[in-house]
Amino acid sequence: MDTTFPKSERLCGKKAVEALFERGKVFQAGCLRCRYLLREDTEPSRVVISVPKRHFKRAVKRNLLKRRIRESYRRQKPGGGADLLFIYTSREVLPYETIYDDMTRVLEALP
């Protein structure tokens, strides 16, 4: 199993993100809200990670949480064919283990 996280697995481009917001489905598992849009191709899943500035004013904390989310996704990433947006919804900095468990629930719930 490939556990890297290359640039090709990051969702880039305004059109792709707009399509995700327009046609994507949403669900929540713990501290993570996931918006996903299934694609027809078999390329790897593409991901966007967001931590709101409203809840975490300091970039240091936002970047810490993004690193934790990215690592938990990287260690258990699914197959291909989806665009994913993860939004951190908790108002406090949770430990990595909690984020990992929530990511597990999110990825198991994907169709």
PDB file of N, CA and C in Angstrom:
ATOM      1  N   MET A   1       0.842  -1.184   0.000  1.00  0.00           N
ATOM      2  CA  MET A   1       0.000   0.000   0.000  1.00  0.00           C
ATOM      3  C   MET A   1       0.886   1.245   0.000  1.00  0.00           C
ATOM      4  N   ASP A   2       0.596   2.153  -0.887  1.00  0.00           N
ATOM      5  CA  ASP A   2       1.360   3.379  -1.005  1.00  0.00           C
ATOM      6  C   ASP A   2       0.903   4.366   0.068  1.00  0.00           C
ATOM      7  N   THR A   3       1.828   4.801   0.909  1.00  0.00           N
ATOM      8  CA  THR A   3       1.456   5.705   2.003  1.00  0.00           C
ATOM      9  C   THR A   3       2.024   7.100   1.819  1.00  0.00           C
ATOM     10  N   THR A   4       2.358   7.453   0.599  1.00  0.00           N
ATOM     11  CA  THR A   4       2.839   8.814   0.356  1.00  0.00           C
ATOM     12  C   THR A   4       1.649   9.737   0.119  1.00  0.00           C
ATOM     13  N   PHE A   5       1.919  11.027   0.017  1.00  0.00           N
ATOM     14  CA  PHE A   5       0.859  11.995  -0.236  1.00  0.00           C
ATOM     15  C   PHE A   5       1.356  13.008  -1.266  1.00  0.00           C
ATOM     16  N   PRO A   6       1.414  12.589  -2.545  1.00  0.00           N
ATOM     17  CA  PRO A   6       1.975  13.458  -3.586  1.00  0.00           C
ATOM     18  C   PRO A   6       1.028  14.583  -3.986  1.00  0.00           C
ATOM     19  N   LYS A   7       1.555  15.511  -4.736  1.00  0.00           N
ATOM     20  CA  LYS A   7       0.788  16.661  -5.227  1.00  0.00           C
ATOM     21  C   LYS A   7      -0.428  16.218  -6.037  1.00  0.00           C
ATOM     22  N   SER A   8      -0.329  15.114  -6.742  1.00  0.00           N
ATOM     23  CA  SER A   8      -1.448  14.646  -7.573  1.00  0.00           C
ATOM     24  C   SER A   8      -2.659  14.245  -6.745  1.00  0.00           C
ATOM     25  N   GLU A   9      -2.494  14.038  -5.445  1.00  0.00           N
ATOM     26  CA  GLU A   9      -3.607  13.670  -4.567  1.00  0.00           C
ATOM     27  C   GLU A   9      -4.173  14.859  -3.811  1.00  0.00           C
ATOM     28  N   ARG A  10      -3.756  16.061  -4.180  1.00  0.00           N
ATOM     29  CA  ARG A  10      -4.298  17.268  -3.564  1.00  0.00           C
ATOM     30  C   ARG A  10      -5.244  17.917  -4.544  1.00  0.00           C
ATOM     31  N   LEU A  11      -6.392  18.318  -4.054  1.00  0.00           N
ATOM     32  CA  LEU A  11      -7.407  18.924  -4.916  1.00  0.00           C
ATOM     33  C   LEU A  11      -7.048  20.385  -5.147  1.00  0.00           C
ATOM     34  N   CYS A  12      -6.758  20.710  -6.387  1.00  0.00           N
ATOM     35  CA  CYS A  12      -6.378  22.061  -6.751  1.00  0.00           C
ATOM     36  C   CYS A  12      -7.309  22.538  -7.862  1.00  0.00           C
ATOM     37  N   GLY A  13      -7.501  23.805  -7.952  1.00  0.00           N
ATOM     38  CA  GLY A  13      -8.305  24.357  -9.027  1.00  0.00           C
ATOM     39  C   GLY A  13      -9.671  24.805  -8.562  1.00  0.00           C
ATOM     40  N   LYS A  14     -10.036  25.989  -9.003  1.00  0.00           N
ATOM     41  CA  LYS A  14     -11.293  26.594  -8.585  1.00  0.00           C
ATOM     42  C   LYS A  14     -12.503  25.795  -9.068  1.00  0.00           C
ATOM     43  N   LYS A  15     -12.455  25.286 -10.295  1.00  0.00           N
ATOM     44  CA  LYS A  15     -13.595  24.538 -10.842  1.00  0.00           C
ATOM     45  C   LYS A  15     -13.852  23.255 -10.062  1.00  0.00           C
ATOM     46  N   ALA A  16     -12.799  22.554  -9.708  1.00  0.00           N
ATOM     47  CA  ALA A  16     -12.954  21.301  -8.966  1.00  0.00           C
ATOM     48  C   ALA A  16     -13.525  21.555  -7.574  1.00  0.00           C
ATOM     49  N   VAL A  17     -13.069  22.598  -6.911  1.00  0.00           N
ATOM     50  CA  VAL A  17     -13.561  22.917  -5.566  1.00  0.00           C
ATOM     51  C   VAL A  17     -15.012  23.395  -5.640  1.00  0.00           C
ATOM     52  N   GLU A  18     -15.348  24.204  -6.636  1.00  0.00           N
ATOM     53  CA  GLU A  18     -16.736  24.658  -6.803  1.00  0.00           C
ATOM     54  C   GLU A  18     -17.668  23.484  -7.072  1.00  0.00           C
ATOM     55  N   ALA A  19     -17.232  22.528  -7.893  1.00  0.00           N
ATOM     56  CA  ALA A  19     -18.047  21.342  -8.164  1.00  0.00           C
ATOM     57  C   ALA A  19     -18.259  20.544  -6.887  1.00  0.00           C
ATOM     58  N   LEU A  20     -17.244  20.469  -6.055  1.00  0.00           N
ATOM     59  CA  LEU A  20     -17.357  19.753  -4.781  1.00  0.00           C
ATOM     60  C   LEU A  20     -18.396  20.410  -3.879  1.00  0.00           C
ATOM     61  N   PHE A  21     -18.428  21.739  -3.838  1.00  0.00           N
ATOM     62  CA  PHE A  21     -19.406  22.443  -3.012  1.00  0.00           C
ATOM     63  C   PHE A  21     -20.806  22.392  -3.614  1.00  0.00           C
ATOM     64  N   GLU A  22     -20.934  22.382  -4.924  1.00  0.00           N
ATOM     65  CA  GLU A  22     -22.250  22.381  -5.566  1.00  0.00           C
ATOM     66  C   GLU A  22     -22.915  21.016  -5.539  1.00  0.00           C
ATOM     67  N   ARG A  23     -22.160  19.969  -5.855  1.00  0.00           N
ATOM     68  CA  ARG A  23     -22.761  18.644  -6.013  1.00  0.00           C
ATOM     69  C   ARG A  23     -22.350  17.641  -4.938  1.00  0.00           C
ATOM     70  N   GLY A  24     -21.460  18.026  -4.028  1.00  0.00           N
ATOM     71  CA  GLY A  24     -20.956  17.090  -3.035  1.00  0.00           C
ATOM     72  C   GLY A  24     -21.945  16.805  -1.919  1.00  0.00           C
ATOM     73  N   LYS A  25     -21.764  15.656  -1.293  1.00  0.00           N
ATOM     74  CA  LYS A  25     -22.577  15.263  -0.140  1.00  0.00           C
ATOM     75  C   LYS A  25     -21.746  15.478   1.127  1.00  0.00           C
ATOM     76  N   VAL A  26     -22.453  15.686   2.267  1.00  0.00           N
ATOM     77  CA  VAL A  26     -21.775  16.037   3.520  1.00  0.00           C
ATOM     78  C   VAL A  26     -22.175  15.074   4.628  1.00  0.00           C
ATOM     79  N   PHE A  27     -21.203  14.739   5.480  1.00  0.00           N
ATOM     80  CA  PHE A  27     -21.506  14.060   6.737  1.00  0.00           C
ATOM     81  C   PHE A  27     -20.413  14.394   7.743  1.00  0.00           C
ATOM     82  N   GLN A  28     -20.705  14.152   9.001  1.00  0.00           N
ATOM     83  CA  GLN A  28     -19.796  14.506  10.089  1.00  0.00           C
ATOM     84  C   GLN A  28     -19.479  13.272  10.918  1.00  0.00           C
ATOM     85  N   ALA A  29     -18.213  13.169  11.325  1.00  0.00           N
ATOM     86  CA  ALA A  29     -17.788  12.106  12.232  1.00  0.00           C
ATOM     87  C   ALA A  29     -16.830  12.723  13.240  1.00  0.00           C
ATOM     88  N   GLY A  30     -17.301  12.940  14.443  1.00  0.00           N
ATOM     89  CA  GLY A  30     -16.463  13.518  15.480  1.00  0.00           C
ATOM     90  C   GLY A  30     -16.079  14.952  15.154  1.00  0.00           C
ATOM     91  N   CYS A  31     -14.781  15.205  15.125  1.00  0.00           N
ATOM     92  CA  CYS A  31     -14.296  16.569  14.895  1.00  0.00           C
ATOM     93  C   CYS A  31     -14.135  16.896  13.416  1.00  0.00           C
ATOM     94  N   LEU A  32     -14.445  15.967  12.531  1.00  0.00           N
ATOM     95  CA  LEU A  32     -14.255  16.190  11.094  1.00  0.00           C
ATOM     96  C   LEU A  32     -15.575  16.196  10.344  1.00  0.00           C
ATOM     97  N   ARG A  33     -15.765  17.213   9.544  1.00  0.00           N
ATOM     98  CA  ARG A  33     -16.890  17.245   8.604  1.00  0.00           C
ATOM     99  C   ARG A  33     -16.300  16.937   7.239  1.00  0.00           C
ATOM    100  N   CYS A  34     -16.915  16.017   6.541  1.00  0.00           N
ATOM    101  CA  CYS A  34     -16.397  15.601   5.240  1.00  0.00           C
ATOM    102  C   CYS A  34     -17.419  15.930   4.156  1.00  0.00           C
ATOM    103  N   ARG A  35     -16.953  16.563   3.115  1.00  0.00           N
ATOM    104  CA  ARG A  35     -17.760  16.801   1.922  1.00  0.00           C
ATOM    105  C   ARG A  35     -17.081  16.005   0.820  1.00  0.00           C
ATOM    106  N   TYR A  36     -17.839  15.162   0.120  1.00  0.00           N
ATOM    107  CA  TYR A  36     -17.230  14.307  -0.886  1.00  0.00           C
ATOM    108  C   TYR A  36     -18.047  14.313  -2.170  1.00  0.00           C
ATOM    109  N   LEU A  37     -17.360  14.049  -3.249  1.00  0.00           N
ATOM    110  CA  LEU A  37     -17.970  13.952  -4.568  1.00  0.00           C
ATOM    111  C   LEU A  37     -17.297  12.793  -5.278  1.00  0.00           C
ATOM    112  N   LEU A  38     -18.075  11.769  -5.594  1.00  0.00           N
ATOM    113  CA  LEU A  38     -17.533  10.606  -6.283  1.00  0.00           C
ATOM    114  C   LEU A  38     -17.297  10.946  -7.744  1.00  0.00           C
ATOM    115  N   ARG A  39     -16.196  10.427  -8.291  1.00  0.00           N
ATOM    116  CA  ARG A  39     -15.848  10.659  -9.688  1.00  0.00           C
ATOM    117  C   ARG A  39     -15.950   9.357 -10.464  1.00  0.00           C
ATOM    118  N   GLU A  40     -15.981   9.473 -11.778  1.00  0.00           N
ATOM    119  CA  GLU A  40     -16.104   8.310 -12.658  1.00  0.00           C
ATOM    120  C   GLU A  40     -14.763   7.615 -12.885  1.00  0.00           C
ATOM    121  N   ASP A  41     -13.659   8.355 -12.825  1.00  0.00           N
ATOM    122  CA  ASP A  41     -12.359   7.772 -13.142  1.00  0.00           C
ATOM    123  C   ASP A  41     -11.800   6.973 -11.965  1.00  0.00           C
ATOM    124  N   THR A  42     -10.693   6.299 -12.226  1.00  0.00           N
ATOM    125  CA  THR A  42     -10.075   5.472 -11.187  1.00  0.00           C
ATOM    126  C   THR A  42      -8.779   6.081 -10.675  1.00  0.00           C
ATOM    127  N   GLU A  43      -8.585   7.362 -10.907  1.00  0.00           N
ATOM    128  CA  GLU A  43      -7.404   8.034 -10.379  1.00  0.00           C
ATOM    129  C   GLU A  43      -7.493   8.104  -8.862  1.00  0.00           C
ATOM    130  N   PRO A  44      -6.376   8.397  -8.193  1.00  0.00           N
ATOM    131  CA  PRO A  44      -6.415   8.487  -6.722  1.00  0.00           C
ATOM    132  C   PRO A  44      -7.358   9.588  -6.236  1.00  0.00           C
ATOM    133  N   SER A  45      -7.863   9.417  -5.043  1.00  0.00           N
ATOM    134  CA  SER A  45      -8.714  10.443  -4.440  1.00  0.00           C
ATOM    135  C   SER A  45      -7.920  11.717  -4.254  1.00  0.00           C
ATOM    136  N   ARG A  46      -8.601  12.856  -4.399  1.00  0.00           N
ATOM    137  CA  ARG A  46      -7.966  14.158  -4.201  1.00  0.00           C
ATOM    138  C   ARG A  46      -8.566  14.793  -2.955  1.00  0.00           C
ATOM    139  N   VAL A  47      -7.726  15.506  -2.189  1.00  0.00           N
ATOM    140  CA  VAL A  47      -8.111  15.960  -0.850  1.00  0.00           C
ATOM    141  C   VAL A  47      -7.817  17.441  -0.659  1.00  0.00           C
ATOM    142  N   VAL A  48      -8.724  18.107   0.092  1.00  0.00           N
ATOM    143  CA  VAL A  48      -8.510  19.468   0.596  1.00  0.00           C
ATOM    144  C   VAL A  48      -8.745  19.409   2.097  1.00  0.00           C
ATOM    145  N   ILE A  49      -7.888  20.092   2.855  1.00  0.00           N
ATOM    146  CA  ILE A  49      -8.025  20.126   4.312  1.00  0.00           C
ATOM    147  C   ILE A  49      -8.179  21.574   4.744  1.00  0.00           C
ATOM    148  N   SER A  50      -9.181  21.829   5.601  1.00  0.00           N
ATOM    149  CA  SER A  50      -9.454  23.189   6.039  1.00  0.00           C
ATOM    150  C   SER A  50      -9.624  23.236   7.553  1.00  0.00           C
ATOM    151  N   VAL A  51      -8.946  24.207   8.162  1.00  0.00           N
ATOM    152  CA  VAL A  51      -9.105  24.496   9.586  1.00  0.00           C
ATOM    153  C   VAL A  51      -9.485  25.969   9.674  1.00  0.00           C
ATOM    154  N   PRO A  52     -10.678  26.285  10.192  1.00  0.00           N
ATOM    155  CA  PRO A  52     -11.166  27.660  10.152  1.00  0.00           C
ATOM    156  C   PRO A  52     -10.362  28.638  11.003  1.00  0.00           C
ATOM    157  N   LYS A  53     -10.081  29.764  10.409  1.00  0.00           N
ATOM    158  CA  LYS A  53      -9.368  30.833  11.104  1.00  0.00           C
ATOM    159  C   LYS A  53     -10.243  31.434  12.200  1.00  0.00           C
ATOM    160  N   ARG A  54     -11.538  31.305  12.066  1.00  0.00           N
ATOM    161  CA  ARG A  54     -12.476  31.833  13.069  1.00  0.00           C
ATOM    162  C   ARG A  54     -12.234  31.201  14.438  1.00  0.00           C
ATOM    163  N   HIS A  55     -11.912  29.903  14.449  1.00  0.00           N
ATOM    164  CA  HIS A  55     -11.722  29.203  15.724  1.00  0.00           C
ATOM    165  C   HIS A  55     -10.273  29.198  16.194  1.00  0.00           C
ATOM    166  N   PHE A  56      -9.322  29.279  15.252  1.00  0.00           N
ATOM    167  CA  PHE A  56      -7.904  29.240  15.591  1.00  0.00           C
ATOM    168  C   PHE A  56      -7.214  30.415  14.916  1.00  0.00           C
ATOM    169  N   LYS A  57      -7.022  31.472  15.674  1.00  0.00           N
ATOM    170  CA  LYS A  57      -6.456  32.702  15.117  1.00  0.00           C
ATOM    171  C   LYS A  57      -4.990  32.534  14.724  1.00  0.00           C
ATOM    172  N   ARG A  58      -4.247  31.748  15.481  1.00  0.00           N
ATOM    173  CA  ARG A  58      -2.822  31.581  15.233  1.00  0.00           C
ATOM    174  C   ARG A  58      -2.571  30.521  14.160  1.00  0.00           C
ATOM    175  N   ALA A  59      -1.755  30.871  13.185  1.00  0.00           N
ATOM    176  CA  ALA A  59      -1.434  29.957  12.093  1.00  0.00           C
ATOM    177  C   ALA A  59      -0.711  28.707  12.593  1.00  0.00           C
ATOM    178  N   VAL A  60       0.017  28.827  13.689  1.00  0.00           N
ATOM    179  CA  VAL A  60       0.738  27.681  14.240  1.00  0.00           C
ATOM    180  C   VAL A  60      -0.233  26.556  14.596  1.00  0.00           C
ATOM    181  N   LYS A  61      -1.338  26.895  15.240  1.00  0.00           N
ATOM    182  CA  LYS A  61      -2.324  25.875  15.618  1.00  0.00           C
ATOM    183  C   LYS A  61      -3.053  25.326  14.397  1.00  0.00           C
ATOM    184  N   ARG A  62      -3.398  26.199  13.455  1.00  0.00           N
ATOM    185  CA  ARG A  62      -4.059  25.735  12.232  1.00  0.00           C
ATOM    186  C   ARG A  62      -3.162  24.763  11.469  1.00  0.00           C
ATOM    187  N   ASN A  63      -1.900  25.104  11.355  1.00  0.00           N
ATOM    188  CA  ASN A  63      -0.968  24.233  10.631  1.00  0.00           C
ATOM    189  C   ASN A  63      -0.742  22.917  11.360  1.00  0.00           C
ATOM    190  N   LEU A  64      -0.706  22.944  12.682  1.00  0.00           N
ATOM    191  CA  LEU A  64      -0.572  21.722  13.467  1.00  0.00           C
ATOM    192  C   LEU A  64      -1.749  20.783  13.194  1.00  0.00           C
ATOM    193  N   LEU A  65      -2.947  21.333  13.225  1.00  0.00           N
ATOM    194  CA  LEU A  65      -4.132  20.512  12.988  1.00  0.00           C
ATOM    195  C   LEU A  65      -4.159  19.981  11.557  1.00  0.00           C
ATOM    196  N   LYS A  66      -3.777  20.807  10.587  1.00  0.00           N
ATOM    197  CA  LYS A  66      -3.731  20.340   9.195  1.00  0.00           C
ATOM    198  C   LYS A  66      -2.719  19.213   9.024  1.00  0.00           C
ATOM    199  N   ARG A  67      -1.573  19.324   9.692  1.00  0.00           N
ATOM    200  CA  ARG A  67      -0.576  18.243   9.624  1.00  0.00           C
ATOM    201  C   ARG A  67      -1.124  16.961  10.229  1.00  0.00           C
ATOM    202  N   ARG A  68      -1.828  17.076  11.350  1.00  0.00           N
ATOM    203  CA  ARG A  68      -2.407  15.880  11.981  1.00  0.00           C
ATOM    204  C   ARG A  68      -3.471  15.240  11.102  1.00  0.00           C
ATOM    205  N   ILE A  69      -4.318  16.044  10.487  1.00  0.00           N
ATOM    206  CA  ILE A  69      -5.361  15.515   9.601  1.00  0.00           C
ATOM    207  C   ILE A  69      -4.725  14.873   8.376  1.00  0.00           C
ATOM    208  N   ARG A  70      -3.744  15.551   7.788  1.00  0.00           N
ATOM    209  CA  ARG A  70      -3.076  15.034   6.592  1.00  0.00           C
ATOM    210  C   ARG A  70      -2.388  13.705   6.880  1.00  0.00           C
ATOM    211  N   GLU A  71      -1.713  13.603   8.025  1.00  0.00           N
ATOM    212  CA  GLU A  71      -1.022  12.369   8.376  1.00  0.00           C
ATOM    213  C   GLU A  71      -2.006  11.233   8.646  1.00  0.00           C
ATOM    214  N   SER A  72      -3.104  11.522   9.319  1.00  0.00           N
ATOM    215  CA  SER A  72      -4.082  10.467   9.585  1.00  0.00           C
ATOM    216  C   SER A  72      -4.741  10.001   8.289  1.00  0.00           C
ATOM    217  N   TYR A  73      -4.948  10.908   7.338  1.00  0.00           N
ATOM    218  CA  TYR A  73      -5.472  10.513   6.028  1.00  0.00           C
ATOM    219  C   TYR A  73      -4.431   9.691   5.271  1.00  0.00           C
ATOM    220  N   ARG A  74      -3.196  10.145   5.281  1.00  0.00           N
ATOM    221  CA  ARG A  74      -2.129   9.484   4.523  1.00  0.00           C
ATOM    222  C   ARG A  74      -1.926   8.043   4.977  1.00  0.00           C
ATOM    223  N   ARG A  75      -2.029   7.801   6.281  1.00  0.00           N
ATOM    224  CA  ARG A  75      -1.790   6.464   6.809  1.00  0.00           C
ATOM    225  C   ARG A  75      -2.904   5.477   6.510  1.00  0.00           C
ATOM    226  N   GLN A  76      -4.089   5.959   6.155  1.00  0.00           N
ATOM    227  CA  GLN A  76      -5.205   5.043   5.904  1.00  0.00           C
ATOM    228  C   GLN A  76      -6.035   5.437   4.689  1.00  0.00           C
ATOM    229  N   LYS A  77      -5.400   6.056   3.699  1.00  0.00           N
ATOM    230  CA  LYS A  77      -6.142   6.574   2.559  1.00  0.00           C
ATOM    231  C   LYS A  77      -6.826   5.464   1.771  1.00  0.00           C
ATOM    232  N   PRO A  78      -8.025   5.784   1.255  1.00  0.00           N
ATOM    233  CA  PRO A  78      -8.800   4.790   0.522  1.00  0.00           C
ATOM    234  C   PRO A  78      -8.282   4.647  -0.905  1.00  0.00           C
ATOM    235  N   GLY A  79      -9.006   3.871  -1.699  1.00  0.00           N
ATOM    236  CA  GLY A  79      -8.682   3.710  -3.112  1.00  0.00           C
ATOM    237  C   GLY A  79      -8.876   5.017  -3.855  1.00  0.00           C
ATOM    238  N   GLY A  80      -9.405   4.957  -5.035  1.00  0.00           N
ATOM    239  CA  GLY A  80      -9.524   6.170  -5.828  1.00  0.00           C
ATOM    240  C   GLY A  80     -10.957   6.523  -6.151  1.00  0.00           C
ATOM    241  N   GLY A  81     -11.078   7.634  -6.865  1.00  0.00           N
ATOM    242  CA  GLY A  81     -12.367   7.986  -7.412  1.00  0.00           C
ATOM    243  C   GLY A  81     -13.215   8.951  -6.617  1.00  0.00           C
ATOM    244  N   ALA A  82     -12.630   9.781  -5.754  1.00  0.00           N
ATOM    245  CA  ALA A  82     -13.438  10.742  -5.002  1.00  0.00           C
ATOM    246  C   ALA A  82     -12.644  12.019  -4.764  1.00  0.00           C
ATOM    247  N   ASP A  83     -13.371  13.127  -4.689  1.00  0.00           N
ATOM    248  CA  ASP A  83     -12.809  14.392  -4.236  1.00  0.00           C
ATOM    249  C   ASP A  83     -13.299  14.601  -2.812  1.00  0.00           C
ATOM    250  N   LEU A  84     -12.404  14.905  -1.895  1.00  0.00           N
ATOM    251  CA  LEU A  84     -12.743  14.994  -0.476  1.00  0.00           C
ATOM    252  C   LEU A  84     -12.331  16.346   0.091  1.00  0.00           C
ATOM    253  N   LEU A  85     -13.181  16.887   0.957  1.00  0.00           N
ATOM    254  CA  LEU A  85     -12.870  18.098   1.700  1.00  0.00           C
ATOM    255  C   LEU A  85     -13.084  17.786   3.168  1.00  0.00           C
ATOM    256  N   PHE A  86     -12.033  17.936   3.970  1.00  0.00           N
ATOM    257  CA  PHE A  86     -12.125  17.723   5.405  1.00  0.00           C
ATOM    258  C   PHE A  86     -12.082  19.075   6.092  1.00  0.00           C
ATOM    259  N   ILE A  87     -13.077  19.346   6.937  1.00  0.00           N
ATOM    260  CA  ILE A  87     -13.140  20.583   7.702  1.00  0.00           C
ATOM    261  C   ILE A  87     -13.090  20.205   9.177  1.00  0.00           C
ATOM    262  N   TYR A  88     -12.148  20.796   9.886  1.00  0.00           N
ATOM    263  CA  TYR A  88     -11.995  20.549  11.314  1.00  0.00           C
ATOM    264  C   TYR A  88     -13.024  21.403  12.043  1.00  0.00           C
ATOM    265  N   THR A  89     -13.904  20.781  12.830  1.00  0.00           N
ATOM    266  CA  THR A  89     -15.018  21.513  13.430  1.00  0.00           C
ATOM    267  C   THR A  89     -14.903  21.750  14.933  1.00  0.00           C
ATOM    268  N   SER A  90     -13.983  21.091  15.591  1.00  0.00           N
ATOM    269  CA  SER A  90     -13.838  21.286  17.029  1.00  0.00           C
ATOM    270  C   SER A  90     -13.231  22.657  17.317  1.00  0.00           C
ATOM    271  N   ARG A  91     -13.535  23.201  18.479  1.00  0.00           N
ATOM    272  CA  ARG A  91     -12.987  24.512  18.852  1.00  0.00           C
ATOM    273  C   ARG A  91     -11.723  24.390  19.691  1.00  0.00           C
ATOM    274  N   GLU A  92     -11.254  23.171  19.903  1.00  0.00           N
ATOM    275  CA  GLU A  92     -10.031  22.970  20.669  1.00  0.00           C
ATOM    276  C   GLU A  92      -9.090  22.048  19.896  1.00  0.00           C
ATOM    277  N   VAL A  93      -7.821  22.117  20.220  1.00  0.00           N
ATOM    278  CA  VAL A  93      -6.821  21.280  19.559  1.00  0.00           C
ATOM    279  C   VAL A  93      -6.889  19.886  20.181  1.00  0.00           C
ATOM    280  N   LEU A  94      -7.324  18.920  19.395  1.00  0.00           N
ATOM    281  CA  LEU A  94      -7.452  17.549  19.877  1.00  0.00           C
ATOM    282  C   LEU A  94      -6.177  16.771  19.588  1.00  0.00           C
ATOM    283  N   PRO A  95      -5.888  15.733  20.388  1.00  0.00           N
ATOM    284  CA  PRO A  95      -4.686  14.928  20.143  1.00  0.00           C
ATOM    285  C   PRO A  95      -4.798  14.139  18.839  1.00  0.00           C
ATOM    286  N   TYR A  96      -3.647  13.728  18.346  1.00  0.00           N
ATOM    287  CA  TYR A  96      -3.584  13.012  17.072  1.00  0.00           C
ATOM    288  C   TYR A  96      -4.443  11.748  17.082  1.00  0.00           C
ATOM    289  N   GLU A  97      -4.444  11.008  18.171  1.00  0.00           N
ATOM    290  CA  GLU A  97      -5.195   9.749  18.242  1.00  0.00           C
ATOM    291  C   GLU A  97      -6.691   9.983  18.010  1.00  0.00           C
ATOM    292  N   THR A  98      -7.229  11.053  18.560  1.00  0.00           N
ATOM    293  CA  THR A  98      -8.649  11.373  18.371  1.00  0.00           C
ATOM    294  C   THR A  98      -8.938  11.702  16.910  1.00  0.00           C
ATOM    295  N   ILE A  99      -8.081  12.501  16.311  1.00  0.00           N
ATOM    296  CA  ILE A  99      -8.259  12.858  14.903  1.00  0.00           C
ATOM    297  C   ILE A  99      -8.137  11.610  14.030  1.00  0.00           C
ATOM    298  N   TYR A 100      -7.199  10.724  14.359  1.00  0.00           N
ATOM    299  CA  TYR A 100      -7.014   9.484  13.610  1.00  0.00           C
ATOM    300  C   TYR A 100      -8.274   8.615  13.683  1.00  0.00           C
ATOM    301  N   ASP A 101      -8.856   8.488  14.870  1.00  0.00           N
ATOM    302  CA  ASP A 101     -10.071   7.694  15.040  1.00  0.00           C
ATOM    303  C   ASP A 101     -11.240   8.299  14.259  1.00  0.00           C
ATOM    304  N   ASP A 102     -11.365   9.625  14.297  1.00  0.00           N
ATOM    305  CA  ASP A 102     -12.433  10.279  13.540  1.00  0.00           C
ATOM    306  C   ASP A 102     -12.225  10.111  12.043  1.00  0.00           C
ATOM    307  N   MET A 103     -10.977  10.176  11.585  1.00  0.00           N
ATOM    308  CA  MET A 103     -10.679   9.964  10.169  1.00  0.00           C
ATOM    309  C   MET A 103     -11.031   8.539   9.756  1.00  0.00           C
ATOM    310  N   THR A 104     -10.781   7.582  10.645  1.00  0.00           N
ATOM    311  CA  THR A 104     -11.143   6.197  10.367  1.00  0.00           C
ATOM    312  C   THR A 104     -12.644   6.069  10.152  1.00  0.00           C
ATOM    313  N   ARG A 105     -13.432   6.702  11.026  1.00  0.00           N
ATOM    314  CA  ARG A 105     -14.888   6.652  10.876  1.00  0.00           C
ATOM    315  C   ARG A 105     -15.348   7.320   9.586  1.00  0.00           C
ATOM    316  N   VAL A 106     -14.705   8.432   9.218  1.00  0.00           N
ATOM    317  CA  VAL A 106     -15.067   9.146   7.989  1.00  0.00           C
ATOM    318  C   VAL A 106     -14.791   8.257   6.783  1.00  0.00           C
ATOM    319  N   LEU A 107     -13.610   7.664   6.719  1.00  0.00           N
ATOM    320  CA  LEU A 107     -13.239   6.870   5.545  1.00  0.00           C
ATOM    321  C   LEU A 107     -14.039   5.569   5.450  1.00  0.00           C
ATOM    322  N   GLU A 108     -14.457   5.025   6.591  1.00  0.00           N
ATOM    323  CA  GLU A 108     -15.311   3.829   6.555  1.00  0.00           C
ATOM    324  C   GLU A 108     -16.714   4.161   6.063  1.00  0.00           C
ATOM    325  N   ALA A 109     -17.170   5.390   6.299  1.00  0.00           N
ATOM    326  CA  ALA A 109     -18.520   5.782   5.906  1.00  0.00           C
ATOM    327  C   ALA A 109     -18.625   6.171   4.428  1.00  0.00           C
ATOM    328  N   LEU A 110     -17.488   6.377   3.779  1.00  0.00           N
ATOM    329  CA  LEU A 110     -17.535   6.722   2.349  1.00  0.00           C
ATOM    330  C   LEU A 110     -18.065   5.553   1.536  1.00  0.00           C
ATOM    331  N   PRO A 111     -18.887   5.844   0.534  1.00  0.00           N
ATOM    332  CA  PRO A 111     -19.406   4.750  -0.308  1.00  0.00           C
ATOM    333  C   PRO A 111     -18.347   4.172  -1.224  1.00  0.00           C
TER     334      PRO A 111
END
